[in-house]
Amino acid sequence: MTKIQEALAELHRLQGVKGAALVTHDGLIAAQSLDARFSTDVVAGLTSYLMMTTNRCLEEGRQPKAAQIVVHASNGKAILTNLDDTCLIVLFDQFADPATARRDVQEAAQMIRRASRIS
């Protein structure tokens, strides 16, 4: 198991987390640890779309790119973290509090950045 896959698996083990994935900006899964109920194509496509459109809106407003996006929906929550060439998405159930996992997500993001530079 690679360091990136280990980081995703560790996030997936957190309470309330339903999965984690590393997605390229063009919507491809680079690595993942997702519950079986998630379609990797859907997760990758939505992650790419959300990050791309948010950053386009920010750019039009002359703002810097988003470092992190937190999404709250009726059936779950997500944290999307921009990692330059990729995006880390962590999916939560509707009862989880993403704020409690924010530090773990940041640590995983740092580990993935380091592992990406080495490989």
PDB file of N, CA and C in Angstrom:
ATOM      1  N   MET A   1       0.853  -1.179   0.000  1.00  0.00           N
ATOM      2  CA  MET A   1       0.000   0.000   0.000  1.00  0.00           C
ATOM      3  C   MET A   1       0.900   1.245   0.000  1.00  0.00           C
ATOM      4  N   THR A   2       0.579   2.194  -0.861  1.00  0.00           N
ATOM      5  CA  THR A   2       1.374   3.413  -0.950  1.00  0.00           C
ATOM      6  C   THR A   2       1.036   4.352   0.210  1.00  0.00           C
ATOM      7  N   LYS A   3       1.882   5.350   0.400  1.00  0.00           N
ATOM      8  CA  LYS A   3       1.633   6.353   1.451  1.00  0.00           C
ATOM      9  C   LYS A   3       0.323   7.092   1.196  1.00  0.00           C
ATOM     10  N   ILE A   4       0.029   7.371  -0.061  1.00  0.00           N
ATOM     11  CA  ILE A   4      -1.220   8.060  -0.400  1.00  0.00           C
ATOM     12  C   ILE A   4      -2.413   7.189  -0.046  1.00  0.00           C
ATOM     13  N   GLN A   5      -2.357   5.924  -0.433  1.00  0.00           N
ATOM     14  CA  GLN A   5      -3.459   5.004  -0.126  1.00  0.00           C
ATOM     15  C   GLN A   5      -3.615   4.828   1.384  1.00  0.00           C
ATOM     16  N   GLU A   6      -2.499   4.792   2.115  1.00  0.00           N
ATOM     17  CA  GLU A   6      -2.551   4.694   3.575  1.00  0.00           C
ATOM     18  C   GLU A   6      -3.244   5.910   4.187  1.00  0.00           C
ATOM     19  N   ALA A   7      -2.922   7.096   3.677  1.00  0.00           N
ATOM     20  CA  ALA A   7      -3.543   8.331   4.191  1.00  0.00           C
ATOM     21  C   ALA A   7      -5.049   8.305   3.958  1.00  0.00           C
ATOM     22  N   LEU A   8      -5.481   7.850   2.787  1.00  0.00           N
ATOM     23  CA  LEU A   8      -6.914   7.769   2.494  1.00  0.00           C
ATOM     24  C   LEU A   8      -7.604   6.729   3.368  1.00  0.00           C
ATOM     25  N   ALA A   9      -6.958   5.601   3.574  1.00  0.00           N
ATOM     26  CA  ALA A   9      -7.529   4.551   4.428  1.00  0.00           C
ATOM     27  C   ALA A   9      -7.656   5.026   5.875  1.00  0.00           C
ATOM     28  N   GLU A  10      -6.663   5.777   6.351  1.00  0.00           N
ATOM     29  CA  GLU A  10      -6.731   6.332   7.716  1.00  0.00           C
ATOM     30  C   GLU A  10      -7.911   7.292   7.855  1.00  0.00           C
ATOM     31  N   LEU A  11      -8.113   8.140   6.868  1.00  0.00           N
ATOM     32  CA  LEU A  11      -9.262   9.044   6.911  1.00  0.00           C
ATOM     33  C   LEU A  11     -10.571   8.262   6.915  1.00  0.00           C
ATOM     34  N   HIS A  12     -10.640   7.206   6.117  1.00  0.00           N
ATOM     35  CA  HIS A  12     -11.851   6.394   6.011  1.00  0.00           C
ATOM     36  C   HIS A  12     -12.200   5.721   7.337  1.00  0.00           C
ATOM     37  N   ARG A  13     -11.214   5.497   8.169  1.00  0.00           N
ATOM     38  CA  ARG A  13     -11.451   4.857   9.463  1.00  0.00           C
ATOM     39  C   ARG A  13     -11.997   5.819  10.517  1.00  0.00           C
ATOM     40  N   LEU A  14     -11.963   7.117  10.259  1.00  0.00           N
ATOM     41  CA  LEU A  14     -12.480   8.088  11.224  1.00  0.00           C
ATOM     42  C   LEU A  14     -13.992   7.948  11.372  1.00  0.00           C
ATOM     43  N   GLN A  15     -14.476   8.229  12.570  1.00  0.00           N
ATOM     44  CA  GLN A  15     -15.906   8.134  12.835  1.00  0.00           C
ATOM     45  C   GLN A  15     -16.685   9.096  11.931  1.00  0.00           C
ATOM     46  N   GLY A  16     -17.712   8.580  11.285  1.00  0.00           N
ATOM     47  CA  GLY A  16     -18.565   9.387  10.429  1.00  0.00           C
ATOM     48  C   GLY A  16     -18.075   9.543   9.004  1.00  0.00           C
ATOM     49  N   VAL A  17     -16.850   9.100   8.717  1.00  0.00           N
ATOM     50  CA  VAL A  17     -16.306   9.225   7.365  1.00  0.00           C
ATOM     51  C   VAL A  17     -16.747   8.019   6.533  1.00  0.00           C
ATOM     52  N   LYS A  18     -17.291   8.306   5.366  1.00  0.00           N
ATOM     53  CA  LYS A  18     -17.775   7.275   4.449  1.00  0.00           C
ATOM     54  C   LYS A  18     -16.808   7.009   3.308  1.00  0.00           C
ATOM     55  N   GLY A  19     -15.771   7.804   3.246  1.00  0.00           N
ATOM     56  CA  GLY A  19     -14.774   7.562   2.217  1.00  0.00           C
ATOM     57  C   GLY A  19     -13.902   8.771   1.975  1.00  0.00           C
ATOM     58  N   ALA A  20     -12.808   8.527   1.268  1.00  0.00           N
ATOM     59  CA  ALA A  20     -11.875   9.583   0.895  1.00  0.00           C
ATOM     60  C   ALA A  20     -11.289   9.211  -0.457  1.00  0.00           C
ATOM     61  N   ALA A  21     -11.013  10.237  -1.243  1.00  0.00           N
ATOM     62  CA  ALA A  21     -10.448   9.989  -2.569  1.00  0.00           C
ATOM     63  C   ALA A  21      -9.548  11.143  -2.973  1.00  0.00           C
ATOM     64  N   LEU A  22      -8.626  10.834  -3.854  1.00  0.00           N
ATOM     65  CA  LEU A  22      -7.754  11.816  -4.465  1.00  0.00           C
ATOM     66  C   LEU A  22      -8.170  11.898  -5.931  1.00  0.00           C
ATOM     67  N   VAL A  23      -8.585  13.091  -6.359  1.00  0.00           N
ATOM     68  CA  VAL A  23      -9.170  13.276  -7.689  1.00  0.00           C
ATOM     69  C   VAL A  23      -8.339  14.286  -8.466  1.00  0.00           C
ATOM     70  N   THR A  24      -8.072  13.981  -9.735  1.00  0.00           N
ATOM     71  CA  THR A  24      -7.376  14.943 -10.591  1.00  0.00           C
ATOM     72  C   THR A  24      -8.359  16.044 -10.982  1.00  0.00           C
ATOM     73  N   HIS A  25      -7.827  17.182 -11.421  1.00  0.00           N
ATOM     74  CA  HIS A  25      -8.693  18.301 -11.780  1.00  0.00           C
ATOM     75  C   HIS A  25      -9.537  18.016 -13.016  1.00  0.00           C
ATOM     76  N   ASP A  26      -9.136  17.020 -13.813  1.00  0.00           N
ATOM     77  CA  ASP A  26      -9.952  16.675 -14.969  1.00  0.00           C
ATOM     78  C   ASP A  26     -10.934  15.534 -14.672  1.00  0.00           C
ATOM     79  N   GLY A  27     -11.094  15.197 -13.381  1.00  0.00           N
ATOM     80  CA  GLY A  27     -12.152  14.274 -12.969  1.00  0.00           C
ATOM     81  C   GLY A  27     -11.823  12.800 -12.975  1.00  0.00           C
ATOM     82  N   LEU A  28     -10.584  12.444 -12.753  1.00  0.00           N
ATOM     83  CA  LEU A  28     -10.191  11.039 -12.663  1.00  0.00           C
ATOM     84  C   LEU A  28      -9.773  10.705 -11.234  1.00  0.00           C
ATOM     85  N   ILE A  29     -10.102   9.506 -10.792  1.00  0.00           N
ATOM     86  CA  ILE A  29      -9.693   9.046  -9.465  1.00  0.00           C
ATOM     87  C   ILE A  29      -8.231   8.616  -9.517  1.00  0.00           C
ATOM     88  N   ALA A  30      -7.387   9.245  -8.707  1.00  0.00           N
ATOM     89  CA  ALA A  30      -5.981   8.863  -8.618  1.00  0.00           C
ATOM     90  C   ALA A  30      -5.789   7.785  -7.554  1.00  0.00           C
ATOM     91  N   ALA A  31      -6.576   7.862  -6.479  1.00  0.00           N
ATOM     92  CA  ALA A  31      -6.548   6.876  -5.395  1.00  0.00           C
ATOM     93  C   ALA A  31      -7.844   7.043  -4.616  1.00  0.00           C
ATOM     94  N   GLN A  32      -8.293   5.950  -3.979  1.00  0.00           N
ATOM     95  CA  GLN A  32      -9.551   6.069  -3.239  1.00  0.00           C
ATOM     96  C   GLN A  32      -9.686   5.011  -2.159  1.00  0.00           C
ATOM     97  N   SER A  33     -10.475   5.369  -1.165  1.00  0.00           N
ATOM     98  CA  SER A  33     -10.909   4.452  -0.118  1.00  0.00           C
ATOM     99  C   SER A  33     -12.352   4.857   0.187  1.00  0.00           C
ATOM    100  N   LEU A  34     -13.279   4.322  -0.601  1.00  0.00           N
ATOM    101  CA  LEU A  34     -14.689   4.713  -0.532  1.00  0.00           C
ATOM    102  C   LEU A  34     -15.569   3.522  -0.165  1.00  0.00           C
ATOM    103  N   ASP A  35     -16.676   3.810   0.539  1.00  0.00           N
ATOM    104  CA  ASP A  35     -17.675   2.772   0.759  1.00  0.00           C
ATOM    105  C   ASP A  35     -18.163   2.266  -0.597  1.00  0.00           C
ATOM    106  N   ALA A  36     -18.609   1.016  -0.635  1.00  0.00           N
ATOM    107  CA  ALA A  36     -19.046   0.397  -1.885  1.00  0.00           C
ATOM    108  C   ALA A  36     -20.239   1.115  -2.519  1.00  0.00           C
ATOM    109  N   ARG A  37     -21.025   1.820  -1.728  1.00  0.00           N
ATOM    110  CA  ARG A  37     -22.222   2.471  -2.273  1.00  0.00           C
ATOM    111  C   ARG A  37     -21.903   3.677  -3.151  1.00  0.00           C
ATOM    112  N   PHE A  38     -20.666   4.169  -3.117  1.00  0.00           N
ATOM    113  CA  PHE A  38     -20.285   5.324  -3.911  1.00  0.00           C
ATOM    114  C   PHE A  38     -19.748   4.899  -5.270  1.00  0.00           C
ATOM    115  N   SER A  39     -20.199   5.577  -6.300  1.00  0.00           N
ATOM    116  CA  SER A  39     -19.660   5.385  -7.640  1.00  0.00           C
ATOM    117  C   SER A  39     -18.432   6.279  -7.782  1.00  0.00           C
ATOM    118  N   THR A  40     -17.302   5.687  -8.106  1.00  0.00           N
ATOM    119  CA  THR A  40     -16.076   6.474  -8.212  1.00  0.00           C
ATOM    120  C   THR A  40     -16.189   7.534  -9.308  1.00  0.00           C
ATOM    121  N   ASP A  41     -16.883   7.208 -10.397  1.00  0.00           N
ATOM    122  CA  ASP A  41     -17.063   8.183 -11.482  1.00  0.00           C
ATOM    123  C   ASP A  41     -17.843   9.407 -11.013  1.00  0.00           C
ATOM    124  N   VAL A  42     -18.885   9.180 -10.222  1.00  0.00           N
ATOM    125  CA  VAL A  42     -19.706  10.281  -9.726  1.00  0.00           C
ATOM    126  C   VAL A  42     -18.913  11.126  -8.741  1.00  0.00           C
ATOM    127  N   VAL A  43     -18.213  10.483  -7.822  1.00  0.00           N
ATOM    128  CA  VAL A  43     -17.395  11.214  -6.840  1.00  0.00           C
ATOM    129  C   VAL A  43     -16.344  12.053  -7.567  1.00  0.00           C
ATOM    130  N   ALA A  44     -15.662  11.463  -8.531  1.00  0.00           N
ATOM    131  CA  ALA A  44     -14.611  12.175  -9.262  1.00  0.00           C
ATOM    132  C   ALA A  44     -15.189  13.341 -10.057  1.00  0.00           C
ATOM    133  N   GLY A  45     -16.279  13.104 -10.763  1.00  0.00           N
ATOM    134  CA  GLY A  45     -16.880  14.150 -11.578  1.00  0.00           C
ATOM    135  C   GLY A  45     -17.386  15.324 -10.753  1.00  0.00           C
ATOM    136  N   LEU A  46     -18.092  15.026  -9.663  1.00  0.00           N
ATOM    137  CA  LEU A  46     -18.619  16.096  -8.815  1.00  0.00           C
ATOM    138  C   LEU A  46     -17.505  16.861  -8.109  1.00  0.00           C
ATOM    139  N   THR A  47     -16.493  16.158  -7.663  1.00  0.00           N
ATOM    140  CA  THR A  47     -15.364  16.818  -7.001  1.00  0.00           C
ATOM    141  C   THR A  47     -14.681  17.788  -7.955  1.00  0.00           C
ATOM    142  N   SER A  48     -14.385  17.310  -9.141  1.00  0.00           N
ATOM    143  CA  SER A  48     -13.737  18.145 -10.140  1.00  0.00           C
ATOM    144  C   SER A  48     -14.604  19.350 -10.489  1.00  0.00           C
ATOM    145  N   TYR A  49     -15.889  19.119 -10.696  1.00  0.00           N
ATOM    146  CA  TYR A  49     -16.810  20.189 -11.064  1.00  0.00           C
ATOM    147  C   TYR A  49     -16.924  21.244  -9.959  1.00  0.00           C
ATOM    148  N   LEU A  50     -17.096  20.800  -8.716  1.00  0.00           N
ATOM    149  CA  LEU A  50     -17.228  21.749  -7.605  1.00  0.00           C
ATOM    150  C   LEU A  50     -15.972  22.609  -7.437  1.00  0.00           C
ATOM    151  N   MET A  51     -14.816  21.982  -7.504  1.00  0.00           N
ATOM    152  CA  MET A  51     -13.573  22.722  -7.322  1.00  0.00           C
ATOM    153  C   MET A  51     -13.348  23.677  -8.498  1.00  0.00           C
ATOM    154  N   MET A  52     -13.587  23.192  -9.715  1.00  0.00           N
ATOM    155  CA  MET A  52     -13.357  24.015 -10.899  1.00  0.00           C
ATOM    156  C   MET A  52     -14.296  25.227 -10.935  1.00  0.00           C
ATOM    157  N   THR A  53     -15.582  25.020 -10.698  1.00  0.00           N
ATOM    158  CA  THR A  53     -16.529  26.130 -10.779  1.00  0.00           C
ATOM    159  C   THR A  53     -16.345  27.117  -9.626  1.00  0.00           C
ATOM    160  N   THR A  54     -16.032  26.627  -8.455  1.00  0.00           N
ATOM    161  CA  THR A  54     -15.774  27.523  -7.322  1.00  0.00           C
ATOM    162  C   THR A  54     -14.565  28.401  -7.618  1.00  0.00           C
ATOM    163  N   ASN A  55     -13.490  27.794  -8.117  1.00  0.00           N
ATOM    164  CA  ASN A  55     -12.289  28.568  -8.412  1.00  0.00           C
ATOM    165  C   ASN A  55     -12.509  29.543  -9.569  1.00  0.00           C
ATOM    166  N   ARG A  56     -13.328  29.161 -10.531  1.00  0.00           N
ATOM    167  CA  ARG A  56     -13.633  30.080 -11.629  1.00  0.00           C
ATOM    168  C   ARG A  56     -14.394  31.301 -11.101  1.00  0.00           C
ATOM    169  N   CYS A  57     -15.353  31.081 -10.222  1.00  0.00           N
ATOM    170  CA  CYS A  57     -16.105  32.194  -9.626  1.00  0.00           C
ATOM    171  C   CYS A  57     -15.186  33.097  -8.803  1.00  0.00           C
ATOM    172  N   LEU A  58     -14.297  32.501  -8.032  1.00  0.00           N
ATOM    173  CA  LEU A  58     -13.358  33.287  -7.236  1.00  0.00           C
ATOM    174  C   LEU A  58     -12.426  34.098  -8.126  1.00  0.00           C
ATOM    175  N   GLU A  59     -11.964  33.476  -9.211  1.00  0.00           N
ATOM    176  CA  GLU A  59     -11.074  34.162 -10.148  1.00  0.00           C
ATOM    177  C   GLU A  59     -11.772  35.372 -10.780  1.00  0.00           C
ATOM    178  N   GLU A  60     -13.035  35.201 -11.142  1.00  0.00           N
ATOM    179  CA  GLU A  60     -13.793  36.313 -11.724  1.00  0.00           C
ATOM    180  C   GLU A  60     -13.954  37.456 -10.725  1.00  0.00           C
ATOM    181  N   GLY A  61     -13.993  37.134  -9.450  1.00  0.00           N
ATOM    182  CA  GLY A  61     -14.068  38.153  -8.411  1.00  0.00           C
ATOM    183  C   GLY A  61     -12.712  38.630  -7.939  1.00  0.00           C
ATOM    184  N   ARG A  62     -11.659  38.229  -8.672  1.00  0.00           N
ATOM    185  CA  ARG A  62     -10.283  38.605  -8.348  1.00  0.00           C
ATOM    186  C   ARG A  62      -9.857  38.140  -6.951  1.00  0.00           C
ATOM    187  N   GLN A  63     -10.265  36.940  -6.620  1.00  0.00           N
ATOM    188  CA  GLN A  63      -9.930  36.328  -5.338  1.00  0.00           C
ATOM    189  C   GLN A  63      -8.995  35.145  -5.572  1.00  0.00           C
ATOM    190  N   PRO A  64      -8.213  34.764  -4.582  1.00  0.00           N
ATOM    191  CA  PRO A  64      -7.344  33.586  -4.748  1.00  0.00           C
ATOM    192  C   PRO A  64      -8.172  32.300  -4.809  1.00  0.00           C
ATOM    193  N   LYS A  65      -7.560  31.251  -5.344  1.00  0.00           N
ATOM    194  CA  LYS A  65      -8.242  29.956  -5.432  1.00  0.00           C
ATOM    195  C   LYS A  65      -8.601  29.440  -4.047  1.00  0.00           C
ATOM    196  N   ALA A  66      -9.639  28.623  -3.996  1.00  0.00           N
ATOM    197  CA  ALA A  66     -10.074  28.026  -2.737  1.00  0.00           C
ATOM    198  C   ALA A  66      -9.050  26.997  -2.275  1.00  0.00           C
ATOM    199  N   ALA A  67      -8.674  27.086  -1.023  1.00  0.00           N
ATOM    200  CA  ALA A  67      -7.797  26.083  -0.428  1.00  0.00           C
ATOM    201  C   ALA A  67      -8.618  24.886   0.032  1.00  0.00           C
ATOM    202  N   GLN A  68      -9.842  25.181   0.502  1.00  0.00           N
ATOM    203  CA  GLN A  68     -10.702  24.119   1.025  1.00  0.00           C
ATOM    204  C   GLN A  68     -12.161  24.551   0.905  1.00  0.00           C
ATOM    205  N   ILE A  69     -13.010  23.586   0.574  1.00  0.00           N
ATOM    206  CA  ILE A  69     -14.453  23.815   0.471  1.00  0.00           C
ATOM    207  C   ILE A  69     -15.137  22.803   1.386  1.00  0.00           C
ATOM    208  N   VAL A  70     -16.078  23.274   2.189  1.00  0.00           N
ATOM    209  CA  VAL A  70     -16.877  22.384   3.036  1.00  0.00           C
ATOM    210  C   VAL A  70     -18.308  22.438   2.528  1.00  0.00           C
ATOM    211  N   VAL A  71     -18.868  21.273   2.227  1.00  0.00           N
ATOM    212  CA  VAL A  71     -20.221  21.169   1.693  1.00  0.00           C
ATOM    213  C   VAL A  71     -21.098  20.486   2.730  1.00  0.00           C
ATOM    214  N   HIS A  72     -22.237  21.113   3.040  1.00  0.00           N
ATOM    215  CA  HIS A  72     -23.223  20.528   3.940  1.00  0.00           C
ATOM    216  C   HIS A  72     -24.477  20.252   3.126  1.00  0.00           C
ATOM    217  N   ALA A  73     -24.895  18.985   3.038  1.00  0.00           N
ATOM    218  CA  ALA A  73     -26.109  18.597   2.314  1.00  0.00           C
ATOM    219  C   ALA A  73     -26.996  17.807   3.267  1.00  0.00           C
ATOM    220  N   SER A  74     -28.225  17.565   2.866  1.00  0.00           N
ATOM    221  CA  SER A  74     -29.158  16.880   3.764  1.00  0.00           C
ATOM    222  C   SER A  74     -28.746  15.433   4.048  1.00  0.00           C
ATOM    223  N   ASN A  75     -28.060  14.782   3.112  1.00  0.00           N
ATOM    224  CA  ASN A  75     -27.693  13.383   3.312  1.00  0.00           C
ATOM    225  C   ASN A  75     -26.219  13.154   3.591  1.00  0.00           C
ATOM    226  N   GLY A  76     -25.470  14.211   3.799  1.00  0.00           N
ATOM    227  CA  GLY A  76     -24.054  14.048   4.087  1.00  0.00           C
ATOM    228  C   GLY A  76     -23.303  15.344   3.963  1.00  0.00           C
ATOM    229  N   LYS A  77     -22.008  15.259   4.201  1.00  0.00           N
ATOM    230  CA  LYS A  77     -21.131  16.420   4.161  1.00  0.00           C
ATOM    231  C   LYS A  77     -19.837  16.018   3.475  1.00  0.00           C
ATOM    232  N   ALA A  78     -19.091  17.020   3.033  1.00  0.00           N
ATOM    233  CA  ALA A  78     -17.816  16.742   2.373  1.00  0.00           C
ATOM    234  C   ALA A  78     -16.842  17.880   2.617  1.00  0.00           C
ATOM    235  N   ILE A  79     -15.568  17.522   2.687  1.00  0.00           N
ATOM    236  CA  ILE A  79     -14.485  18.499   2.705  1.00  0.00           C
ATOM    237  C   ILE A  79     -13.652  18.242   1.455  1.00  0.00           C
ATOM    238  N   LEU A  80     -13.495  19.280   0.636  1.00  0.00           N
ATOM    239  CA  LEU A  80     -12.660  19.212  -0.554  1.00  0.00           C
ATOM    240  C   LEU A  80     -11.442  20.087  -0.301  1.00  0.00           C
ATOM    241  N   THR A  81     -10.259  19.519  -0.427  1.00  0.00           N
ATOM    242  CA  THR A  81      -9.020  20.247  -0.173  1.00  0.00           C
ATOM    243  C   THR A  81      -8.200  20.289  -1.454  1.00  0.00           C
ATOM    244  N   ASN A  82      -7.867  21.504  -1.908  1.00  0.00           N
ATOM    245  CA  ASN A  82      -7.093  21.687  -3.122  1.00  0.00           C
ATOM    246  C   ASN A  82      -5.626  21.355  -2.840  1.00  0.00           C
ATOM    247  N   LEU A  83      -5.073  20.428  -3.621  1.00  0.00           N
ATOM    248  CA  LEU A  83      -3.668  20.024  -3.451  1.00  0.00           C
ATOM    249  C   LEU A  83      -2.854  20.355  -4.700  1.00  0.00           C
ATOM    250  N   ASP A  84      -3.118  21.478  -5.320  1.00  0.00           N
ATOM    251  CA  ASP A  84      -2.457  21.941  -6.541  1.00  0.00           C
ATOM    252  C   ASP A  84      -2.851  21.089  -7.754  1.00  0.00           C
ATOM    253  N   ASP A  85      -2.251  19.921  -7.946  1.00  0.00           N
ATOM    254  CA  ASP A  85      -2.550  19.089  -9.120  1.00  0.00           C
ATOM    255  C   ASP A  85      -3.754  18.177  -8.914  1.00  0.00           C
ATOM    256  N   THR A  86      -4.152  17.982  -7.672  1.00  0.00           N
ATOM    257  CA  THR A  86      -5.264  17.092  -7.355  1.00  0.00           C
ATOM    258  C   THR A  86      -6.137  17.718  -6.271  1.00  0.00           C
ATOM    259  N   CYS A  87      -7.195  17.008  -5.940  1.00  0.00           N
ATOM    260  CA  CYS A  87      -8.101  17.457  -4.881  1.00  0.00           C
ATOM    261  C   CYS A  87      -8.397  16.262  -3.977  1.00  0.00           C
ATOM    262  N   LEU A  88      -8.277  16.477  -2.695  1.00  0.00           N
ATOM    263  CA  LEU A  88      -8.635  15.460  -1.704  1.00  0.00           C
ATOM    264  C   LEU A  88     -10.077  15.699  -1.299  1.00  0.00           C
ATOM    265  N   ILE A  89     -10.925  14.675  -1.424  1.00  0.00           N
ATOM    266  CA  ILE A  89     -12.301  14.780  -0.957  1.00  0.00           C
ATOM    267  C   ILE A  89     -12.509  13.758   0.150  1.00  0.00           C
ATOM    268  N   VAL A  90     -13.125  14.213   1.235  1.00  0.00           N
ATOM    269  CA  VAL A  90     -13.483  13.344   2.353  1.00  0.00           C
ATOM    270  C   VAL A  90     -14.998  13.447   2.516  1.00  0.00           C
ATOM    271  N   LEU A  91     -15.674  12.304   2.444  1.00  0.00           N
ATOM    272  CA  LEU A  91     -17.132  12.249   2.523  1.00  0.00           C
ATOM    273  C   LEU A  91     -17.569  11.798   3.912  1.00  0.00           C
ATOM    274  N   PHE A  92     -18.560  12.499   4.466  1.00  0.00           N
ATOM    275  CA  PHE A  92     -19.067  12.218   5.804  1.00  0.00           C
ATOM    276  C   PHE A  92     -20.548  11.861   5.740  1.00  0.00           C
ATOM    277  N   ASP A  93     -21.027  11.131   6.751  1.00  0.00           N
ATOM    278  CA  ASP A  93     -22.469  10.904   6.839  1.00  0.00           C
ATOM    279  C   ASP A  93     -23.141  12.178   7.339  1.00  0.00           C
ATOM    280  N   GLN A  94     -24.464  12.188   7.347  1.00  0.00           N
ATOM    281  CA  GLN A  94     -25.207  13.408   7.694  1.00  0.00           C
ATOM    282  C   GLN A  94     -25.093  13.787   9.165  1.00  0.00           C
ATOM    283  N   PHE A  95     -24.674  12.872  10.018  1.00  0.00           N
ATOM    284  CA  PHE A  95     -24.598  13.142  11.454  1.00  0.00           C
ATOM    285  C   PHE A  95     -23.203  13.580  11.901  1.00  0.00           C
ATOM    286  N   ALA A  96     -22.220  13.429  11.051  1.00  0.00           N
ATOM    287  CA  ALA A  96     -20.835  13.753  11.410  1.00  0.00           C
ATOM    288  C   ALA A  96     -20.615  15.262  11.439  1.00  0.00           C
ATOM    289  N   ASP A  97     -19.640  15.665  12.216  1.00  0.00           N
ATOM    290  CA  ASP A  97     -19.230  17.064  12.266  1.00  0.00           C
ATOM    291  C   ASP A  97     -17.858  17.159  11.599  1.00  0.00           C
ATOM    292  N   PRO A  98     -17.794  17.674  10.368  1.00  0.00           N
ATOM    293  CA  PRO A  98     -16.505  17.744   9.669  1.00  0.00           C
ATOM    294  C   PRO A  98     -15.437  18.544  10.427  1.00  0.00           C
ATOM    295  N   ALA A  99     -15.863  19.473  11.269  1.00  0.00           N
ATOM    296  CA  ALA A  99     -14.895  20.278  12.020  1.00  0.00           C
ATOM    297  C   ALA A  99     -14.030  19.408  12.927  1.00  0.00           C
ATOM    298  N   THR A 100     -14.586  18.311  13.437  1.00  0.00           N
ATOM    299  CA  THR A 100     -13.810  17.437  14.321  1.00  0.00           C
ATOM    300  C   THR A 100     -12.724  16.676  13.566  1.00  0.00           C
ATOM    301  N   ALA A 101     -12.881  16.540  12.256  1.00  0.00           N
ATOM    302  CA  ALA A 101     -11.903  15.808  11.450  1.00  0.00           C
ATOM    303  C   ALA A 101     -10.972  16.737  10.679  1.00  0.00           C
ATOM    304  N   ARG A 102     -11.159  18.035  10.819  1.00  0.00           N
ATOM    305  CA  ARG A 102     -10.394  18.996  10.021  1.00  0.00           C
ATOM    306  C   ARG A 102      -8.881  18.809  10.184  1.00  0.00           C
ATOM    307  N   ARG A 103      -8.425  18.589  11.407  1.00  0.00           N
ATOM    308  CA  ARG A 103      -6.981  18.401  11.630  1.00  0.00           C
ATOM    309  C   ARG A 103      -6.482  17.135  10.934  1.00  0.00           C
ATOM    310  N   ASP A 104      -7.255  16.049  11.025  1.00  0.00           N
ATOM    311  CA  ASP A 104      -6.876  14.798  10.358  1.00  0.00           C
ATOM    312  C   ASP A 104      -6.824  14.984   8.844  1.00  0.00           C
ATOM    313  N   VAL A 105      -7.762  15.742   8.313  1.00  0.00           N
ATOM    314  CA  VAL A 105      -7.792  16.006   6.867  1.00  0.00           C
ATOM    315  C   VAL A 105      -6.566  16.816   6.461  1.00  0.00           C
ATOM    316  N   GLN A 106      -6.209  17.823   7.239  1.00  0.00           N
ATOM    317  CA  GLN A 106      -5.031  18.636   6.935  1.00  0.00           C
ATOM    318  C   GLN A 106      -3.748  17.802   7.000  1.00  0.00           C
ATOM    319  N   GLU A 107      -3.647  16.929   7.984  1.00  0.00           N
ATOM    320  CA  GLU A 107      -2.466  16.063   8.097  1.00  0.00           C
ATOM    321  C   GLU A 107      -2.373  15.111   6.911  1.00  0.00           C
ATOM    322  N   ALA A 108      -3.513  14.547   6.513  1.00  0.00           N
ATOM    323  CA  ALA A 108      -3.529  13.654   5.349  1.00  0.00           C
ATOM    324  C   ALA A 108      -3.133  14.418   4.093  1.00  0.00           C
ATOM    325  N   ALA A 109      -3.632  15.643   3.955  1.00  0.00           N
ATOM    326  CA  ALA A 109      -3.289  16.466   2.793  1.00  0.00           C
ATOM    327  C   ALA A 109      -1.786  16.722   2.734  1.00  0.00           C
ATOM    328  N   GLN A 110      -1.185  17.016   3.875  1.00  0.00           N
ATOM    329  CA  GLN A 110       0.264  17.237   3.915  1.00  0.00           C
ATOM    330  C   GLN A 110       1.031  15.970   3.541  1.00  0.00           C
ATOM    331  N   MET A 111       0.570  14.823   4.043  1.00  0.00           N
ATOM    332  CA  MET A 111       1.228  13.558   3.725  1.00  0.00           C
ATOM    333  C   MET A 111       1.132  13.269   2.225  1.00  0.00           C
ATOM    334  N   ILE A 112      -0.040  13.527   1.654  1.00  0.00           N
ATOM    335  CA  ILE A 112      -0.233  13.295   0.224  1.00  0.00           C
ATOM    336  C   ILE A 112       0.639  14.232  -0.594  1.00  0.00           C
ATOM    337  N   ARG A 113       0.734  15.491  -0.193  1.00  0.00           N
ATOM    338  CA  ARG A 113       1.607  16.442  -0.901  1.00  0.00           C
ATOM    339  C   ARG A 113       3.053  15.961  -0.888  1.00  0.00           C
ATOM    340  N   ARG A 114       3.536  15.517   0.284  1.00  0.00           N
ATOM    341  CA  ARG A 114       4.916  15.031   0.378  1.00  0.00           C
ATOM    342  C   ARG A 114       5.112  13.787  -0.481  1.00  0.00           C
ATOM    343  N   ALA A 115       4.177  12.858  -0.415  1.00  0.00           N
ATOM    344  CA  ALA A 115       4.293  11.613  -1.183  1.00  0.00           C
ATOM    345  C   ALA A 115       4.224  11.890  -2.679  1.00  0.00           C
ATOM    346  N   SER A 116       3.443  12.873  -3.080  1.00  0.00           N
ATOM    347  CA  SER A 116       3.325  13.211  -4.496  1.00  0.00           C
ATOM    348  C   SER A 116       4.612  13.813  -5.039  1.00  0.00           C
ATOM    349  N   ARG A 117       5.309  14.577  -4.227  1.00  0.00           N
ATOM    350  CA  ARG A 117       6.562  15.191  -4.660  1.00  0.00           C
ATOM    351  C   ARG A 117       7.654  14.143  -4.820  1.00  0.00           C
ATOM    352  N   ILE A 118       7.612  13.122  -3.985  1.00  0.00           N
ATOM    353  CA  ILE A 118       8.648  12.076  -4.014  1.00  0.00           C
ATOM    354  C   ILE A 118       8.476  11.166  -5.214  1.00  0.00           C
ATOM    355  N   SER A 119       7.207  10.838  -5.554  1.00  0.00           N
ATOM    356  CA  SER A 119       6.980   9.874  -6.640  1.00  0.00           C
ATOM    357  C   SER A 119       7.018  10.472  -8.005  1.00  0.00           C
TER     358      SER A 119
END
